[in-house]
Structure formats: structure tokens, C-alpha cells
N, C-alpha and C. Protein backbone atom coordinates (compact mmCIF):
# COMPACT_ATOMS: atom_id res chain seq x y z
N MET A 1 -4.71 -116.03 12.57
CA MET A 1 -5.67 -114.91 11.92
C MET A 1 -6.79 -115.08 12.48
N THR A 2 -7.42 -113.78 12.65
CA THR A 2 -8.87 -113.88 13.17
C THR A 2 -9.77 -113.02 11.75
N VAL A 3 -10.98 -113.56 11.57
CA VAL A 3 -11.68 -112.80 10.39
C VAL A 3 -12.69 -111.96 11.13
N GLN A 4 -12.58 -110.74 11.12
CA GLN A 4 -13.34 -109.79 11.48
C GLN A 4 -14.89 -109.66 10.55
N PRO A 5 -15.98 -109.69 11.21
CA PRO A 5 -17.11 -109.43 10.62
C PRO A 5 -17.28 -108.38 10.03
N SER A 6 -17.68 -107.95 8.43
CA SER A 6 -17.85 -106.60 8.16
C SER A 6 -18.78 -105.64 8.83
N PRO A 7 -18.26 -104.41 9.51
CA PRO A 7 -19.13 -103.45 10.41
C PRO A 7 -20.24 -103.43 9.71
N VAL A 8 -20.64 -103.02 8.25
CA VAL A 8 -21.88 -102.51 7.31
C VAL A 8 -21.86 -103.53 6.21
N PRO A 9 -22.99 -104.29 5.97
CA PRO A 9 -23.38 -105.15 5.16
C PRO A 9 -22.92 -104.71 3.56
N ALA A 10 -22.11 -105.24 2.79
CA ALA A 10 -22.03 -104.72 1.56
C ALA A 10 -23.14 -104.47 0.41
N THR A 11 -23.08 -103.57 0.01
CA THR A 11 -24.22 -102.95 -1.14
C THR A 11 -24.02 -103.46 -2.47
N PRO A 12 -24.87 -104.71 -2.86
CA PRO A 12 -24.30 -105.39 -4.13
C PRO A 12 -24.29 -104.08 -5.43
N ALA A 13 -23.30 -103.96 -5.77
CA ALA A 13 -23.03 -102.99 -7.23
C ALA A 13 -23.89 -103.07 -8.22
N VAL A 14 -24.45 -104.40 -8.35
CA VAL A 14 -25.91 -104.68 -9.30
C VAL A 14 -26.45 -105.48 -8.67
N ARG A 15 -27.92 -105.14 -9.01
CA ARG A 15 -28.86 -106.57 -8.48
C ARG A 15 -29.45 -106.89 -9.38
N ALA A 16 -29.87 -108.08 -9.11
CA ALA A 16 -30.34 -109.23 -9.99
C ALA A 16 -31.60 -108.35 -10.84
N GLY A 17 -31.26 -108.98 -11.97
CA GLY A 17 -32.28 -108.35 -12.99
C GLY A 17 -31.82 -107.15 -13.61
N THR A 18 -30.96 -106.59 -13.26
CA THR A 18 -30.77 -104.97 -13.89
C THR A 18 -30.06 -105.50 -15.22
N ASP A 19 -30.44 -104.69 -16.29
CA ASP A 19 -29.93 -104.43 -17.51
C ASP A 19 -28.49 -103.94 -17.91
N LEU A 20 -27.52 -104.70 -17.95
CA LEU A 20 -25.99 -104.27 -17.46
C LEU A 20 -25.77 -103.00 -18.30
N ASP A 21 -26.21 -103.39 -19.76
CA ASP A 21 -25.55 -102.25 -20.55
C ASP A 21 -26.13 -100.51 -20.26
N LEU A 22 -27.58 -100.60 -19.83
CA LEU A 22 -27.79 -99.60 -19.14
C LEU A 22 -27.54 -98.98 -18.31
N HIS A 23 -27.39 -99.78 -17.14
CA HIS A 23 -26.63 -99.45 -15.73
C HIS A 23 -25.09 -99.38 -16.19
N ALA A 24 -24.55 -99.40 -17.10
CA ALA A 24 -23.44 -99.23 -17.18
C ALA A 24 -23.14 -97.35 -17.70
N ARG A 25 -24.05 -97.64 -19.17
CA ARG A 25 -24.27 -96.38 -19.43
C ARG A 25 -24.58 -94.87 -18.27
N SER A 26 -25.85 -95.49 -17.60
CA SER A 26 -25.88 -94.51 -16.69
C SER A 26 -24.82 -94.44 -15.38
N LEU A 27 -23.87 -95.06 -15.47
CA LEU A 27 -22.75 -94.93 -14.45
C LEU A 27 -21.66 -93.88 -15.03
N ARG A 28 -21.64 -93.96 -16.57
CA ARG A 28 -20.48 -93.51 -17.12
C ARG A 28 -21.41 -91.80 -16.91
N ARG A 29 -22.66 -91.48 -16.75
CA ARG A 29 -22.83 -90.43 -16.67
C ARG A 29 -22.88 -89.78 -15.34
N VAL A 30 -23.22 -90.60 -14.34
CA VAL A 30 -22.95 -90.08 -12.82
C VAL A 30 -21.50 -89.79 -12.68
N HIS A 31 -20.27 -90.59 -13.67
CA HIS A 31 -19.17 -90.63 -12.98
C HIS A 31 -18.69 -89.06 -13.88
N ASP A 32 -18.80 -89.03 -15.01
CA ASP A 32 -18.36 -87.78 -16.10
C ASP A 32 -19.14 -86.78 -15.04
N ALA A 33 -20.17 -86.42 -14.56
CA ALA A 33 -20.94 -85.52 -14.42
C ALA A 33 -20.24 -85.18 -12.71
N PHE A 34 -19.71 -86.43 -11.86
CA PHE A 34 -19.34 -86.25 -10.43
C PHE A 34 -17.94 -85.64 -10.71
N MET A 35 -17.36 -86.34 -11.73
CA MET A 35 -15.94 -85.62 -12.25
C MET A 35 -15.86 -84.30 -12.67
N GLY A 36 -16.89 -84.08 -13.26
CA GLY A 36 -16.71 -82.47 -13.80
C GLY A 36 -17.07 -81.70 -12.99
N GLY A 37 -17.45 -81.84 -11.75
CA GLY A 37 -17.91 -81.13 -10.43
C GLY A 37 -19.54 -80.64 -10.38
N SER A 38 -20.26 -81.46 -11.42
CA SER A 38 -21.92 -81.12 -11.56
C SER A 38 -22.34 -81.62 -10.57
N ALA A 39 -23.46 -80.61 -9.65
CA ALA A 39 -24.43 -81.43 -8.67
C ALA A 39 -25.51 -82.14 -9.52
N ARG A 40 -25.55 -83.46 -9.04
CA ARG A 40 -26.50 -83.98 -9.74
C ARG A 40 -27.84 -84.63 -8.17
N ALA A 41 -28.81 -85.00 -8.83
CA ALA A 41 -29.61 -85.64 -7.77
C ALA A 41 -29.60 -86.53 -7.28
N THR A 42 -29.30 -87.34 -8.35
CA THR A 42 -28.72 -88.76 -8.05
C THR A 42 -27.38 -89.46 -8.39
N GLY A 43 -26.67 -89.25 -7.16
CA GLY A 43 -25.23 -89.75 -7.25
C GLY A 43 -24.72 -91.04 -7.16
N PRO A 44 -23.48 -91.41 -7.31
CA PRO A 44 -23.29 -92.95 -6.88
C PRO A 44 -23.54 -93.54 -5.47
N ARG A 45 -23.85 -94.64 -5.40
CA ARG A 45 -24.00 -95.30 -3.98
C ARG A 45 -22.84 -95.07 -3.15
N PRO A 46 -23.31 -94.72 -1.61
CA PRO A 46 -22.80 -93.98 -0.36
C PRO A 46 -20.89 -94.39 -0.51
N VAL A 47 -20.72 -95.74 -0.90
CA VAL A 47 -19.51 -96.08 -0.67
C VAL A 47 -18.55 -95.59 -1.66
N VAL A 48 -19.37 -95.31 -2.88
CA VAL A 48 -18.24 -94.67 -4.22
C VAL A 48 -18.17 -93.32 -3.86
N THR A 49 -19.48 -92.65 -3.59
CA THR A 49 -19.29 -90.86 -3.51
C THR A 49 -17.74 -90.68 -1.89
N ARG A 50 -18.40 -91.87 -1.09
CA ARG A 50 -16.66 -91.65 -0.14
C ARG A 50 -15.75 -91.98 -0.74
N SER A 51 -15.38 -92.77 -1.70
CA SER A 51 -14.02 -93.37 -2.33
C SER A 51 -13.60 -92.02 -3.16
N TRP A 52 -14.78 -91.85 -4.04
CA TRP A 52 -14.30 -90.77 -5.40
C TRP A 52 -13.83 -89.29 -4.44
N GLN A 53 -14.32 -89.27 -3.46
CA GLN A 53 -14.11 -87.99 -2.58
C GLN A 53 -12.64 -87.84 -2.15
N ARG A 54 -12.35 -88.94 -1.62
CA ARG A 54 -11.06 -89.38 -0.86
C ARG A 54 -10.03 -89.43 -2.09
N VAL A 55 -10.36 -89.93 -3.22
CA VAL A 55 -9.25 -90.06 -4.47
C VAL A 55 -9.41 -88.62 -4.77
N LEU A 56 -10.53 -87.87 -4.89
CA LEU A 56 -10.45 -86.73 -5.70
C LEU A 56 -9.44 -85.70 -4.82
N GLU A 57 -9.62 -85.75 -3.60
CA GLU A 57 -8.37 -84.67 -2.38
C GLU A 57 -6.95 -85.67 -2.76
N LEU A 58 -6.60 -86.41 -2.85
CA LEU A 58 -5.56 -86.71 -3.60
C LEU A 58 -4.88 -86.30 -4.81
N GLY A 59 -5.47 -85.59 -5.77
CA GLY A 59 -5.38 -85.04 -7.01
C GLY A 59 -5.18 -86.13 -7.50
N LEU A 60 -5.80 -87.39 -7.67
CA LEU A 60 -5.65 -88.58 -8.84
C LEU A 60 -6.52 -87.53 -9.95
N ASP A 61 -6.07 -88.43 -11.33
CA ASP A 61 -7.04 -88.10 -12.46
C ASP A 61 -7.70 -89.31 -13.13
N PRO A 62 -8.84 -88.96 -13.14
CA PRO A 62 -9.56 -90.33 -13.48
C PRO A 62 -9.52 -90.72 -14.96
N SER A 63 -8.70 -89.50 -15.75
CA SER A 63 -8.51 -90.11 -17.37
C SER A 63 -7.28 -90.23 -17.80
N GLN A 64 -6.55 -90.66 -16.35
CA GLN A 64 -5.39 -91.46 -16.71
C GLN A 64 -4.95 -92.54 -15.84
N THR A 65 -4.03 -93.56 -16.68
CA THR A 65 -3.89 -94.56 -16.01
C THR A 65 -2.88 -94.20 -14.65
N ASN A 66 -3.11 -93.85 -13.70
CA ASN A 66 -2.22 -93.54 -12.54
C ASN A 66 -1.39 -94.40 -12.22
N PRO A 67 0.11 -93.98 -11.43
CA PRO A 67 1.09 -95.23 -11.62
C PRO A 67 0.94 -96.26 -10.48
N ARG A 68 1.09 -97.14 -10.81
CA ARG A 68 0.93 -98.53 -9.98
C ARG A 68 2.17 -99.29 -10.05
N GLY A 69 3.31 -99.13 -10.30
CA GLY A 69 4.43 -99.88 -10.60
C GLY A 69 4.62 -100.97 -9.69
N PRO A 70 4.97 -102.14 -9.95
CA PRO A 70 5.24 -103.23 -9.24
C PRO A 70 6.48 -103.11 -8.43
N VAL A 71 6.32 -103.58 -6.95
CA VAL A 71 7.53 -103.82 -6.18
C VAL A 71 8.60 -104.36 -7.05
N PRO A 72 9.79 -104.35 -6.40
CA PRO A 72 11.00 -105.28 -7.01
C PRO A 72 10.51 -106.67 -6.71
N THR A 73 10.94 -107.71 -7.44
CA THR A 73 10.59 -109.17 -7.17
C THR A 73 10.74 -109.40 -6.00
N ALA A 74 12.05 -108.94 -5.57
CA ALA A 74 12.63 -109.83 -3.96
C ALA A 74 11.63 -109.35 -3.11
N GLU A 75 11.17 -107.54 -3.26
CA GLU A 75 10.35 -107.40 -2.13
C GLU A 75 9.11 -108.35 -2.29
N LEU A 76 8.81 -108.63 -3.26
CA LEU A 76 6.88 -109.35 -3.49
C LEU A 76 7.32 -110.64 -2.68
N GLU A 77 8.82 -111.54 -3.36
CA GLU A 77 8.70 -112.61 -2.47
C GLU A 77 8.82 -112.43 -1.18
N ARG A 78 9.46 -111.20 -0.23
CA ARG A 78 9.50 -111.48 0.86
C ARG A 78 7.75 -111.25 1.55
N ARG A 79 7.10 -110.12 0.69
CA ARG A 79 5.78 -110.34 1.18
C ARG A 79 4.69 -111.80 1.42
N ARG A 80 5.25 -112.21 0.02
CA ARG A 80 4.58 -113.63 0.11
C ARG A 80 4.80 -114.55 1.15
N ARG A 81 6.34 -114.51 1.50
CA ARG A 81 6.51 -115.36 2.28
C ARG A 81 6.47 -115.13 4.05
N THR A 82 6.05 -113.65 4.02
CA THR A 82 5.58 -113.45 5.46
C THR A 82 4.17 -113.17 5.47
N SER A 83 3.69 -113.30 4.45
CA SER A 83 2.18 -113.04 4.54
C SER A 83 1.37 -114.52 5.42
N PRO A 84 0.54 -114.25 6.15
CA PRO A 84 -0.41 -114.97 6.76
C PRO A 84 -1.28 -116.18 5.89
N LEU A 85 -1.96 -115.37 4.52
CA LEU A 85 -2.62 -115.99 3.37
C LEU A 85 -1.68 -117.23 3.03
N ALA A 86 -0.19 -116.58 3.05
CA ALA A 86 0.80 -117.86 2.06
C ALA A 86 0.24 -119.55 2.68
N LEU A 87 -0.15 -119.56 4.06
CA LEU A 87 -0.97 -120.86 4.31
C LEU A 87 -2.24 -121.32 3.78
N VAL A 88 -3.07 -120.15 3.46
CA VAL A 88 -4.18 -120.70 2.55
C VAL A 88 -4.25 -120.56 1.29
N VAL A 89 -3.26 -120.03 0.56
CA VAL A 89 -3.51 -119.77 -0.87
C VAL A 89 -3.58 -120.76 -2.04
N ASP A 90 -3.35 -121.76 -1.42
CA ASP A 90 -3.15 -123.03 -2.23
C ASP A 90 -4.97 -123.34 -2.15
N GLU A 91 -5.49 -123.31 -1.24
CA GLU A 91 -6.68 -123.38 -1.03
C GLU A 91 -7.70 -122.59 -1.68
N ILE A 92 -7.21 -121.52 -1.80
CA ILE A 92 -8.42 -120.18 -2.56
C ILE A 92 -8.10 -120.74 -3.84
N ARG A 93 -6.68 -121.04 -4.48
CA ARG A 93 -6.48 -121.53 -5.65
C ARG A 93 -7.27 -122.75 -6.28
N SER A 94 -7.07 -123.75 -5.53
CA SER A 94 -8.01 -124.58 -5.74
C SER A 94 -9.58 -124.49 -5.76
N VAL A 95 -9.95 -123.54 -4.92
CA VAL A 95 -11.68 -123.66 -4.43
C VAL A 95 -12.42 -122.62 -5.66
N LEU A 96 -11.24 -121.55 -5.71
CA LEU A 96 -11.71 -120.55 -6.66
C LEU A 96 -11.45 -120.73 -7.93
N THR A 97 -10.13 -120.98 -8.42
CA THR A 97 -9.68 -121.20 -9.78
C THR A 97 -10.07 -122.00 -10.72
N SER A 98 -10.51 -123.12 -9.89
CA SER A 98 -11.10 -123.89 -10.97
C SER A 98 -12.04 -124.06 -11.89
N VAL A 99 -12.57 -122.94 -11.42
CA VAL A 99 -13.85 -122.33 -12.50
C VAL A 99 -13.83 -121.14 -13.22
N ALA A 100 -12.34 -120.37 -12.77
CA ALA A 100 -12.16 -119.13 -13.15
C ALA A 100 -12.15 -119.08 -14.66
N ASP A 101 -11.40 -120.12 -15.36
CA ASP A 101 -11.51 -119.90 -16.85
C ASP A 101 -12.58 -120.25 -17.48
N ALA A 102 -13.66 -121.01 -17.24
CA ALA A 102 -14.92 -120.99 -17.80
C ALA A 102 -15.71 -119.78 -17.33
N ALA A 103 -15.29 -119.32 -16.50
CA ALA A 103 -16.31 -118.38 -15.80
C ALA A 103 -15.84 -116.80 -16.05
N HIS A 104 -14.49 -116.86 -16.72
CA HIS A 104 -14.12 -115.85 -17.27
C HIS A 104 -13.78 -114.78 -16.30
N PHE A 105 -12.84 -114.96 -15.13
CA PHE A 105 -12.67 -114.34 -14.17
C PHE A 105 -11.54 -114.44 -13.71
N ILE A 106 -10.49 -113.91 -12.66
CA ILE A 106 -9.48 -113.86 -12.01
C ILE A 106 -9.58 -113.85 -10.67
N VAL A 107 -8.52 -114.69 -9.83
CA VAL A 107 -8.69 -114.04 -8.64
C VAL A 107 -7.29 -113.82 -8.06
N VAL A 108 -7.22 -112.62 -7.30
CA VAL A 108 -6.25 -111.91 -6.69
C VAL A 108 -5.99 -112.33 -5.07
N VAL A 109 -5.09 -112.50 -4.44
CA VAL A 109 -4.86 -112.32 -3.26
C VAL A 109 -3.86 -111.03 -3.01
N THR A 110 -4.30 -110.16 -2.20
CA THR A 110 -3.54 -109.24 -1.99
C THR A 110 -3.16 -108.95 -0.07
N ASP A 111 -1.61 -108.06 0.07
CA ASP A 111 -1.53 -108.06 1.51
C ASP A 111 -2.41 -106.75 2.01
N ALA A 112 -2.02 -106.35 3.21
CA ALA A 112 -2.67 -105.42 4.02
C ALA A 112 -2.30 -103.86 3.22
N ASP A 113 -1.19 -104.01 2.31
CA ASP A 113 -0.76 -102.88 1.56
C ASP A 113 -1.66 -102.76 -0.14
N GLY A 114 -2.59 -103.60 -0.34
CA GLY A 114 -3.10 -103.90 -1.73
C GLY A 114 -2.02 -104.37 -2.46
N VAL A 115 -0.87 -104.78 -2.38
CA VAL A 115 0.13 -105.25 -3.21
C VAL A 115 -0.55 -106.84 -3.51
N ILE A 116 -0.49 -106.80 -5.18
CA ILE A 116 -1.17 -108.06 -5.15
C ILE A 116 -0.06 -109.16 -5.10
N LEU A 117 -0.37 -109.78 -4.48
CA LEU A 117 0.76 -110.93 -3.99
C LEU A 117 0.40 -112.31 -4.79
N TRP A 118 -0.68 -112.53 -5.31
CA TRP A 118 -0.74 -113.63 -6.11
C TRP A 118 -2.20 -113.34 -7.12
N ARG A 119 -2.21 -113.97 -8.29
CA ARG A 119 -2.99 -114.00 -9.09
C ARG A 119 -3.50 -114.86 -10.30
N GLU A 120 -4.16 -115.69 -10.39
CA GLU A 120 -4.46 -116.90 -11.35
C GLU A 120 -5.99 -116.63 -11.92
N GLY A 121 -6.56 -116.89 -12.95
CA GLY A 121 -7.76 -116.91 -13.58
C GLY A 121 -7.71 -117.30 -15.06
N SER A 122 -8.65 -116.81 -15.66
CA SER A 122 -8.51 -116.93 -17.36
C SER A 122 -7.50 -116.37 -18.04
N PRO A 123 -6.80 -116.95 -18.87
CA PRO A 123 -5.49 -116.12 -19.72
C PRO A 123 -6.26 -114.94 -19.89
N GLY A 124 -7.14 -115.19 -21.40
CA GLY A 124 -8.11 -114.16 -21.75
C GLY A 124 -7.96 -112.88 -20.71
N VAL A 125 -9.02 -113.12 -19.68
CA VAL A 125 -8.91 -111.97 -18.35
C VAL A 125 -7.45 -111.25 -18.08
N LEU A 126 -6.54 -112.50 -17.52
CA LEU A 126 -5.02 -112.10 -17.35
C LEU A 126 -4.30 -111.05 -18.06
N ARG A 127 -5.04 -111.40 -19.29
CA ARG A 127 -4.09 -110.49 -20.24
C ARG A 127 -4.73 -109.05 -20.57
N GLN A 128 -5.99 -108.93 -20.22
CA GLN A 128 -6.67 -107.95 -20.45
C GLN A 128 -6.31 -107.06 -18.54
N ALA A 129 -6.20 -107.75 -18.25
CA ALA A 129 -5.71 -107.15 -16.44
C ALA A 129 -4.25 -106.98 -16.54
N ASP A 130 -3.35 -107.45 -17.54
CA ASP A 130 -2.27 -106.72 -18.00
C ASP A 130 -1.97 -105.44 -18.23
N ARG A 131 -2.95 -105.31 -19.21
CA ARG A 131 -2.97 -104.13 -19.66
C ARG A 131 -3.39 -103.05 -18.61
N LEU A 132 -4.11 -103.04 -17.75
CA LEU A 132 -4.50 -102.17 -16.75
C LEU A 132 -3.58 -102.10 -15.73
N GLY A 133 -2.32 -102.91 -15.80
CA GLY A 133 -1.36 -103.13 -14.82
C GLY A 133 -1.67 -103.63 -13.65
N PHE A 134 -2.69 -104.61 -13.73
CA PHE A 134 -3.40 -105.06 -12.41
C PHE A 134 -2.05 -106.59 -12.59
N LEU A 135 -1.00 -106.69 -12.01
CA LEU A 135 -0.13 -107.61 -12.34
C LEU A 135 0.22 -107.85 -10.54
N GLU A 136 1.08 -109.00 -10.42
CA GLU A 136 1.53 -109.20 -9.28
C GLU A 136 2.64 -108.53 -8.76
N GLY A 137 2.59 -107.92 -7.39
CA GLY A 137 3.60 -106.88 -7.20
C GLY A 137 3.27 -105.65 -6.93
N SER A 138 2.08 -105.31 -7.82
CA SER A 138 1.49 -104.00 -8.19
C SER A 138 0.93 -103.51 -6.99
N ALA A 139 0.58 -102.18 -6.43
CA ALA A 139 -0.06 -101.72 -5.57
C ALA A 139 -1.59 -100.85 -5.82
N TRP A 140 -2.63 -101.70 -5.33
CA TRP A 140 -4.00 -101.19 -5.91
C TRP A 140 -4.94 -100.87 -4.87
N THR A 141 -4.55 -99.99 -4.20
CA THR A 141 -4.82 -98.70 -3.08
C THR A 141 -5.42 -97.79 -3.79
N GLU A 142 -6.39 -97.17 -3.05
CA GLU A 142 -7.29 -95.94 -3.51
C GLU A 142 -6.08 -94.74 -3.97
N GLY A 143 -4.89 -94.48 -3.21
CA GLY A 143 -4.26 -93.56 -3.20
C GLY A 143 -3.25 -93.44 -4.65
N GLN A 144 -3.11 -95.35 -4.97
CA GLN A 144 -2.59 -95.48 -6.27
C GLN A 144 -2.98 -95.40 -7.75
N VAL A 145 -4.44 -95.56 -7.32
CA VAL A 145 -5.33 -95.83 -8.95
C VAL A 145 -6.30 -95.57 -8.52
N GLY A 146 -6.97 -94.81 -7.48
CA GLY A 146 -8.21 -94.59 -7.51
C GLY A 146 -9.43 -95.13 -6.97
N THR A 147 -10.37 -94.96 -7.27
CA THR A 147 -11.47 -95.93 -6.36
C THR A 147 -11.52 -97.30 -7.06
N ASN A 148 -11.02 -98.54 -6.57
CA ASN A 148 -11.46 -99.99 -7.11
C ASN A 148 -11.60 -100.66 -6.18
N ALA A 149 -12.03 -101.92 -6.59
CA ALA A 149 -12.75 -102.57 -5.24
C ALA A 149 -11.67 -103.06 -4.08
N ILE A 150 -10.40 -103.48 -4.40
CA ILE A 150 -9.54 -103.83 -3.29
C ILE A 150 -9.28 -102.54 -2.49
N GLY A 151 -9.04 -101.48 -2.90
CA GLY A 151 -8.14 -100.16 -2.48
C GLY A 151 -9.37 -99.97 -1.64
N THR A 152 -10.42 -99.73 -1.97
CA THR A 152 -11.53 -99.01 -1.31
C THR A 152 -11.55 -100.51 -0.54
N ALA A 153 -12.03 -101.46 -0.59
CA ALA A 153 -12.30 -102.26 0.72
C ALA A 153 -11.52 -102.07 1.83
N LEU A 154 -10.41 -101.88 1.46
CA LEU A 154 -9.02 -101.55 2.48
C LEU A 154 -9.54 -100.37 3.16
N ALA A 155 -9.71 -98.89 2.48
CA ALA A 155 -10.38 -98.06 2.88
C ALA A 155 -11.26 -98.01 3.71
N GLU A 156 -12.39 -98.67 3.20
CA GLU A 156 -13.64 -99.06 4.29
C GLU A 156 -13.58 -99.90 5.02
N GLN A 157 -12.64 -100.66 5.28
CA GLN A 157 -12.66 -102.07 6.23
C GLN A 157 -14.21 -102.74 6.01
N ALA A 158 -14.38 -103.13 4.78
CA ALA A 158 -15.52 -104.00 4.55
C ALA A 158 -15.17 -104.37 3.12
N PRO A 159 -16.15 -105.45 3.00
CA PRO A 159 -16.23 -105.90 1.40
C PRO A 159 -16.83 -104.89 0.52
N VAL A 160 -16.29 -104.60 -0.74
CA VAL A 160 -16.89 -103.74 -1.92
C VAL A 160 -17.38 -104.90 -3.47
N GLN A 161 -18.26 -104.24 -4.04
CA GLN A 161 -18.15 -104.66 -5.04
C GLN A 161 -18.65 -103.36 -5.98
N LEU A 162 -17.61 -103.36 -6.86
CA LEU A 162 -17.95 -102.11 -7.89
C LEU A 162 -17.99 -102.34 -9.53
N PHE A 163 -18.75 -101.82 -9.76
CA PHE A 163 -19.49 -101.80 -11.17
C PHE A 163 -18.90 -100.98 -12.31
N SER A 164 -18.23 -101.34 -13.38
CA SER A 164 -18.25 -100.74 -14.26
C SER A 164 -17.55 -99.02 -14.01
N ALA A 165 -18.42 -97.82 -14.32
CA ALA A 165 -17.64 -96.35 -14.11
C ALA A 165 -17.93 -96.12 -12.55
N GLU A 166 -18.12 -97.19 -11.77
CA GLU A 166 -18.16 -97.13 -10.19
C GLU A 166 -16.48 -96.54 -9.61
N HIS A 167 -15.61 -97.28 -10.86
CA HIS A 167 -14.60 -97.54 -10.80
C HIS A 167 -13.88 -96.00 -11.00
N PHE A 168 -12.94 -95.41 -10.16
CA PHE A 168 -12.27 -93.92 -10.58
C PHE A 168 -11.88 -94.06 -12.09
N GLU A 169 -10.42 -94.78 -12.17
CA GLU A 169 -10.01 -94.45 -13.64
C GLU A 169 -10.88 -94.92 -14.69
N GLN A 170 -11.33 -94.24 -16.19
CA GLN A 170 -11.93 -94.35 -16.99
C GLN A 170 -11.70 -96.02 -17.38
N HIS A 171 -10.13 -96.03 -17.43
CA HIS A 171 -9.68 -97.30 -18.44
C HIS A 171 -10.13 -98.60 -17.42
N GLN A 172 -10.88 -98.19 -15.97
CA GLN A 172 -11.14 -99.84 -14.94
C GLN A 172 -12.50 -99.79 -15.74
N HIS A 173 -13.16 -98.91 -16.37
CA HIS A 173 -14.56 -98.83 -16.62
C HIS A 173 -15.33 -100.66 -17.07
N PRO A 174 -14.71 -100.85 -17.55
CA PRO A 174 -15.05 -102.17 -18.70
C PRO A 174 -14.93 -103.73 -17.58
N TRP A 175 -14.69 -103.13 -15.99
CA TRP A 175 -14.50 -104.18 -14.84
C TRP A 175 -15.71 -104.15 -14.51
N TYR A 176 -15.91 -105.64 -13.38
CA TYR A 176 -16.86 -105.50 -12.95
C TYR A 176 -16.13 -106.35 -11.52
N CYS A 177 -15.99 -105.94 -10.13
CA CYS A 177 -14.77 -106.02 -8.92
C CYS A 177 -15.30 -106.20 -7.74
N THR A 178 -15.19 -107.32 -7.03
CA THR A 178 -15.30 -107.44 -5.57
C THR A 178 -14.11 -107.92 -4.86
N ALA A 179 -14.03 -107.03 -3.38
CA ALA A 179 -13.04 -107.53 -2.63
C ALA A 179 -13.60 -107.15 -1.36
N SER A 180 -12.96 -108.45 -0.65
CA SER A 180 -13.05 -108.36 0.85
C SER A 180 -12.13 -108.54 1.79
N PRO A 181 -11.56 -107.42 2.55
CA PRO A 181 -10.55 -107.65 3.70
C PRO A 181 -10.84 -108.64 4.70
N VAL A 182 -9.81 -109.64 4.95
CA VAL A 182 -9.67 -110.69 5.93
C VAL A 182 -8.81 -110.09 7.35
């Protein structure tokens, strides 16, 4: 497997020193205005604008939890067996998940179709993710769930960070997510 460098450097979703509560409220206003069709002088970051436009063209609804049902168990197991990342998933687990509980995050590995193959991390965060349908076997493409780090990274073929209301679905607004295609 060859890891290609990103053609465009990822723009951080949040800059150091940012007041997160204030930024989240501002992003909710931008999200509501954009989804309502209002023209705003200051919109979301370009990567978010492109994604929101793609997702709206698909007819997804930001106020709904769009369908993302998991693939059948046999299909999930087949995808895991045939994934080139199966060779390194144990390394990923040992490096990243060793601090996941203390840091309150989860790590997921998807395939090129955005299907979650493996996920581990903080039990509390995993329970919250379950409520979003962020489960092993679920597809997290823009076409399935709107703007999200996994789907947008796949669509843009570049690393993506999303904070709060940069996510398309309102149910995802409490999340801060990062994804990178390899």
C-alpha cells in the first residue's frame, strides 16, 4: 500500500486559543443560515462549503439522522479480511487506543467505501457514538450521513477536521472529528 501525500494541506477546524463554546455557537448560526438558504457574508470554511453543497444536492436533511444501517456481519468480516489495513490495525490499536480512555476519544478504521471496520476507545464515547449509529459495519460517506470527517476526507481525498456544526446533521454537532485517507 502506498500512502499518498495530501494535495492540499488540511485546514484545522479549530485554531489554538479558540473559545470552543463561542466558536460552536457561531458555527451553529452559520449552519442554520446556510441550510435555510440565507446568504451570509461569512460562511463555513471552503472544505465545509463544498461538502454541504454536495450533500444538499443529494437531498439529505440536516435535521434528521439519515440512514446508515450496518452491512451484514458476514460482509463486515469479509471487508475486514480483505482490507490492507488488517495488517496494521493491531499497531494502530496499540499506539492510538492506549490513551483513548483517558483522553475521551475513539479511533475508527474504515475502508475506502467509508464502512467502519474497527473501532475502539473510551467506553463512554463509544456509547455516545452508538446513539449516532457510528457502529462497526456502518457506512459514513457524505451520501449516507452528510458532512462528516470520514465521508468528507474520502470525497476530498485529503485529511479533514470538523468541529461542531460543521457537520451536516444536527445530531453530530457535539462532535469534533478528524479523518485522513491512506
